[in-house]
Protein backbone atom coordinates (compact mmCIF):
# COMPACT_ATOMS: atom_id res chain seq x y z
CA MET A 1 36.81 -16.88 -10.52
CA ASN A 2 36.98 -14.78 -7.32
CA LEU A 3 34.97 -15.48 -4.18
CA ARG A 4 32.57 -12.58 -4.77
CA VAL A 5 31.55 -13.88 -8.19
CA SER A 6 31.32 -17.46 -6.88
CA ILE A 7 28.91 -16.40 -4.14
CA LEU A 8 26.82 -14.41 -6.63
CA LEU A 9 26.50 -17.41 -8.94
CA LEU A 10 25.45 -19.62 -6.02
CA MET A 11 22.81 -17.05 -5.05
CA ILE A 12 21.44 -16.78 -8.60
CA CYS A 13 21.23 -20.55 -9.02
CA ALA A 14 19.43 -20.89 -5.70
CA ALA A 15 16.91 -18.17 -6.56
CA ALA A 16 16.27 -19.58 -10.02
CA THR A 17 15.33 -22.95 -8.55
CA GLY A 18 13.14 -21.49 -5.83
CA GLN A 19 15.69 -22.08 -3.08
CA ALA A 20 16.55 -18.47 -2.15
CA ALA A 21 15.97 -17.88 1.58
CA ASP A 22 14.37 -14.89 3.22
CA SER A 23 14.15 -14.58 7.00
CA GLN A 24 11.65 -17.40 7.44
CA GLU A 25 11.02 -19.28 4.22
CA ARG A 26 12.52 -20.40 0.91
CA ARG A 27 10.93 -19.05 -2.22
CA ASN A 28 11.60 -17.92 -5.78
CA ASP A 29 11.77 -14.14 -5.47
CA SER A 30 12.15 -12.91 -9.06
CA PRO A 31 11.88 -9.18 -8.18
CA ALA A 32 14.85 -9.57 -5.83
CA LEU A 33 16.71 -11.56 -8.47
CA ARG A 34 16.14 -8.77 -10.98
CA LEU A 35 17.52 -6.26 -8.48
CA HIS A 36 20.56 -8.47 -7.95
CA LEU A 37 21.24 -8.64 -11.67
CA LYS A 38 20.78 -4.88 -12.04
CA ALA A 39 23.15 -4.16 -9.16
CA GLU A 40 25.71 -6.62 -10.51
CA ASP A 41 25.54 -5.01 -13.96
CA LEU A 42 26.06 -1.58 -12.41
CA TYR A 43 28.94 -2.91 -10.34
CA GLN A 44 30.66 -4.55 -13.30
CA ASN A 45 30.41 -1.29 -15.26
CA GLY A 46 31.94 0.76 -12.47
CA HIS A 47 28.76 2.53 -11.31
CA PHE A 48 29.60 1.80 -7.72
CA LYS A 49 27.45 4.38 -5.97
CA ARG A 50 24.30 3.21 -7.77
CA ALA A 51 25.15 -0.46 -7.17
CA TYR A 52 25.85 0.24 -3.50
CA PHE A 53 22.52 2.03 -3.14
CA ILE A 54 20.62 -1.02 -4.44
CA TYR A 55 22.59 -3.47 -2.34
CA VAL A 56 22.09 -1.49 0.88
CA ASN A 57 18.68 0.16 0.53
CA GLU A 58 16.73 -2.35 -1.54
CA LEU A 59 18.25 -5.75 -0.78
CA ALA A 60 20.38 -5.71 2.38
CA ALA A 61 17.53 -3.87 4.11
CA ILE A 62 15.17 -6.80 3.53
CA GLY A 63 17.60 -9.38 4.88
CA ASP A 64 19.38 -10.46 1.69
CA LYS A 65 22.66 -11.95 2.85
CA TYR A 66 24.59 -11.64 -0.41
CA SER A 67 23.76 -7.93 -0.54
CA GLN A 68 24.82 -7.47 3.07
CA TYR A 69 28.10 -9.12 2.11
CA MET A 70 28.41 -6.85 -0.94
CA ALA A 71 27.83 -3.77 1.21
CA GLY A 72 30.78 -4.91 3.31
CA TYR A 73 32.89 -5.80 0.28
CA MET A 74 32.37 -2.34 -1.23
CA CYS A 75 33.08 -0.62 2.10
CA LEU A 76 36.29 -2.60 2.45
CA ASN A 77 37.45 -1.62 -1.03
CA GLY A 78 36.18 1.96 -1.06
CA GLN A 79 33.82 1.39 -3.96
CA GLY A 80 30.97 3.89 -3.97
CA MET A 81 31.97 5.32 -0.58
CA ARG A 82 35.10 5.96 1.45
CA GLN A 83 37.08 2.91 2.50
CA ASP A 84 35.87 1.77 5.92
CA PRO A 85 37.12 -1.62 7.20
CA VAL A 86 35.18 -1.27 10.46
CA MET A 87 31.86 -0.83 8.68
CA ALA A 88 32.83 -3.57 6.24
CA SER A 89 33.35 -5.96 9.14
CA ALA A 90 29.93 -5.08 10.57
CA TRP A 91 28.25 -5.90 7.27
CA TYR A 92 30.25 -9.15 7.00
CA ARG A 93 29.11 -10.13 10.49
CA LEU A 94 25.48 -9.54 9.55
CA ALA A 95 25.88 -11.52 6.32
CA ALA A 96 27.30 -14.45 8.32
CA GLU A 97 24.40 -14.72 10.80
CA ARG A 98 22.86 -17.73 9.01
CA GLY A 99 26.11 -19.65 9.26
CA ALA A 100 27.24 -19.61 5.62
CA PRO A 101 30.87 -20.85 5.71
CA GLU A 102 32.03 -18.37 3.05
CA PHE A 103 30.73 -15.40 5.00
CA ILE A 104 32.01 -16.72 8.33
CA GLU A 105 35.51 -17.10 6.87
CA LEU A 106 35.49 -13.54 5.51
CA ARG A 107 34.12 -12.17 8.78
CA ASP A 108 36.70 -13.92 10.92
CA ARG A 109 39.61 -13.06 8.64
CA LEU A 110 38.74 -9.35 8.69
CA LEU A 111 38.13 -9.23 12.44
CA GLU A 112 41.43 -10.98 13.13
CA SER A 113 43.26 -8.32 11.11
CA MET A 114 41.86 -5.50 13.28
CA SER A 115 43.04 -4.01 16.54
CA GLU A 116 40.99 -4.50 19.70
CA ALA A 117 39.81 -0.87 19.48
CA GLU A 118 38.67 -1.44 15.89
CA ARG A 119 36.87 -4.63 16.91
CA ALA A 120 35.02 -2.68 19.61
CA GLN A 121 33.97 -0.15 16.96
CA SER A 122 32.89 -3.07 14.79
CA ASP A 123 30.76 -4.39 17.66
CA ASP A 124 28.92 -1.07 17.88
CA ALA A 125 28.36 -0.88 14.12
CA TYR A 126 27.25 -4.51 13.99
CA VAL A 127 24.65 -3.96 16.72
CA ARG A 128 23.25 -0.97 14.84
CA LEU A 129 22.91 -3.05 11.68
CA ARG A 130 21.57 -6.03 13.60
CA LEU A 131 18.79 -3.97 15.18
CA LYS A 132 17.60 -2.96 11.71
CA TYR A 133 18.44 -5.70 9.23
CA SER A 134 19.02 -9.02 11.02
CA ASP A 135 16.60 -11.87 10.38
CA VAL A 136 15.19 -11.58 13.90
CA ALA A 137 14.74 -7.79 13.68
CA LEU A 138 12.98 -8.06 10.32
CA ALA A 139 10.69 -10.81 11.63
CA LEU A 140 9.81 -8.63 14.61
CA GLY A 141 9.07 -5.72 12.28
CA HIS A 142 6.68 -7.87 10.23
CA LEU A 143 4.96 -8.97 13.43
CA GLN A 144 4.47 -5.39 14.56
CA HIS A 145 3.00 -4.46 11.20
CA GLU A 146 0.64 -7.42 11.17
CA ARG A 147 -0.57 -6.69 14.70
CA ARG A 148 -1.32 -3.10 13.71
CA GLU A 149 -3.25 -4.31 10.67
CA ILE A 150 -5.37 -6.66 12.74
CA ASP A 151 -6.00 -4.03 15.40
CA SER A 152 -7.02 -1.41 12.85
CA GLY A 153 -9.32 -3.78 10.98
CA LYS A 154 -7.81 -2.67 7.67
CA THR A 155 -6.45 -5.94 6.43
CA GLY A 156 -7.62 -6.61 2.90
CA THR A 157 -10.75 -5.06 1.40
CA ARG A 158 -13.95 -5.76 3.28
CA LEU A 159 -17.01 -6.82 1.35
CA ASN A 160 -20.36 -6.78 3.09
CA THR A 161 -23.41 -7.60 1.03
CA GLY A 162 -25.75 -7.18 3.97
CA THR A 163 -26.90 -10.77 3.68
CA GLY A 164 -24.06 -12.67 5.33
CA PRO A 165 -20.78 -12.52 7.20
CA ILE A 166 -18.15 -9.96 6.28
CA THR A 167 -15.68 -11.20 3.70
CA VAL A 168 -12.41 -9.73 2.49
CA VAL A 169 -10.44 -9.81 -0.73
CA ASP A 170 -7.08 -11.41 -0.15
CA PRO A 171 -4.54 -8.82 -1.41
CA ASN A 172 -2.21 -11.61 -2.55
CA THR A 173 -4.66 -13.67 -4.60
CA GLY A 174 -7.67 -11.41 -5.17
CA ALA A 175 -9.95 -14.19 -3.91
CA PRO A 176 -12.73 -13.41 -1.42
CA MET A 177 -12.80 -15.27 1.87
CA PRO A 178 -14.54 -14.94 5.23
CA TYR A 179 -12.96 -12.23 7.35
CA ASP A 180 -12.25 -14.56 10.26
CA VAL A 181 -10.49 -17.00 7.92
CA PHE A 182 -8.34 -14.19 6.55
CA ILE A 183 -7.42 -13.01 10.04
CA GLY A 184 -6.69 -16.61 11.01
CA ARG A 185 -4.22 -16.89 8.16
CA ILE A 186 -2.47 -13.74 9.31
CA ARG A 187 -2.25 -15.13 12.84
CA ASP A 188 -0.82 -18.39 11.48
CA ARG A 189 1.84 -16.41 9.66
CA MET A 190 2.54 -14.43 12.81
CA GLN A 191 2.95 -17.66 14.76
CA VAL A 192 5.54 -18.88 12.25
CA ARG A 193 7.48 -15.67 12.76
CA LEU A 194 7.22 -15.94 16.53
CA ASP A 195 8.41 -19.54 16.45
CA PHE A 196 11.35 -18.48 14.27
CA ILE A 197 12.32 -15.72 16.72
CA THR A 198 11.97 -17.79 19.90
CA GLU A 199 13.86 -20.72 18.39
CA HIS A 200 16.63 -18.38 17.26
CA MET A 201 16.85 -16.83 20.72
CA GLY A 202 16.59 -20.17 22.51
CA ILE A 203 13.58 -19.15 24.63
CA ASP A 204 10.15 -20.65 25.28
CA ALA A 205 7.55 -20.38 22.53
CA VAL A 206 4.95 -17.60 22.75
CA ASP A 207 1.45 -17.37 21.32
CA ALA A 208 0.41 -15.03 18.50
CA GLY A 209 -2.71 -14.14 20.47
CA MET A 210 -0.77 -12.45 23.26
CA SER A 211 -2.00 -9.12 24.64
CA ASP A 212 -0.46 -5.78 23.64
CA ARG A 213 1.35 -5.59 26.97
CA GLU A 214 2.73 -9.11 26.56
CA PHE A 215 3.84 -8.35 23.03
CA GLN A 216 5.64 -5.18 24.12
CA ARG A 217 7.52 -7.15 26.78
CA PHE A 218 8.41 -9.70 24.12
CA ALA A 219 9.57 -6.99 21.69
CA ASP A 220 11.74 -5.46 24.41
CA GLN A 221 13.25 -8.88 25.09
CA VAL A 222 14.07 -9.29 21.39
CA THR A 223 15.68 -5.84 21.28
CA ASP A 224 17.84 -6.66 24.29
CA TYR A 225 18.89 -9.91 22.61
CA LEU A 226 19.91 -8.10 19.44
CA LYS A 227 22.15 -5.73 21.41
CA VAL A 228 24.30 -8.60 22.68
CA VAL A 229 27.35 -9.36 20.54
CA ASP A 230 27.83 -13.13 20.43
CA ASP A 231 29.76 -13.86 17.24
CA ARG A 232 33.36 -13.41 18.38
């Protein structure tokens, strides 16, 4: 059994038992698992372009590390696109950001085989991917979306009977709840994301209730952090 298949089996077992990780939490994500199985079936049957599209646009783009690895694997072998070791190394570096030993080994082996000029090109490609698809970038994107939702007052569906406080229908459960409780839950989720980002960056914690100006400064700080190459 080759390494690619071994990693896939580990990923499927983890997802089936509710241990698959996204950028902040572990959960059983059956839609993602179905996409994995579809992409793997396409790959095994030689439909590389279609498999690559799923890996990159539907799974790697939401922070799935196996799919980021597969994007690199297919770039390295010219499956579904032209062979591109530099881009392959950038995807491998992104896949390795959570410290998985298998991905670190593949990343390091490929980088060591490259010239210094190629490694510099890899740095540039890795930063581009990191700004879009790294765990920290995705967490920041969720934060920005949630802040816009709170500011616009369009979170959930408001219900106002005219006889009491405004309530909303939770889009996840369909259950009504007081509007301030619903907003509080969003802020709690935002705080988890913020804690994840600040811990990852090694900086002081920040509060989800920060002003727009404070949040923009924070977002700029995160962007600057993501532009720094620190894995080689």
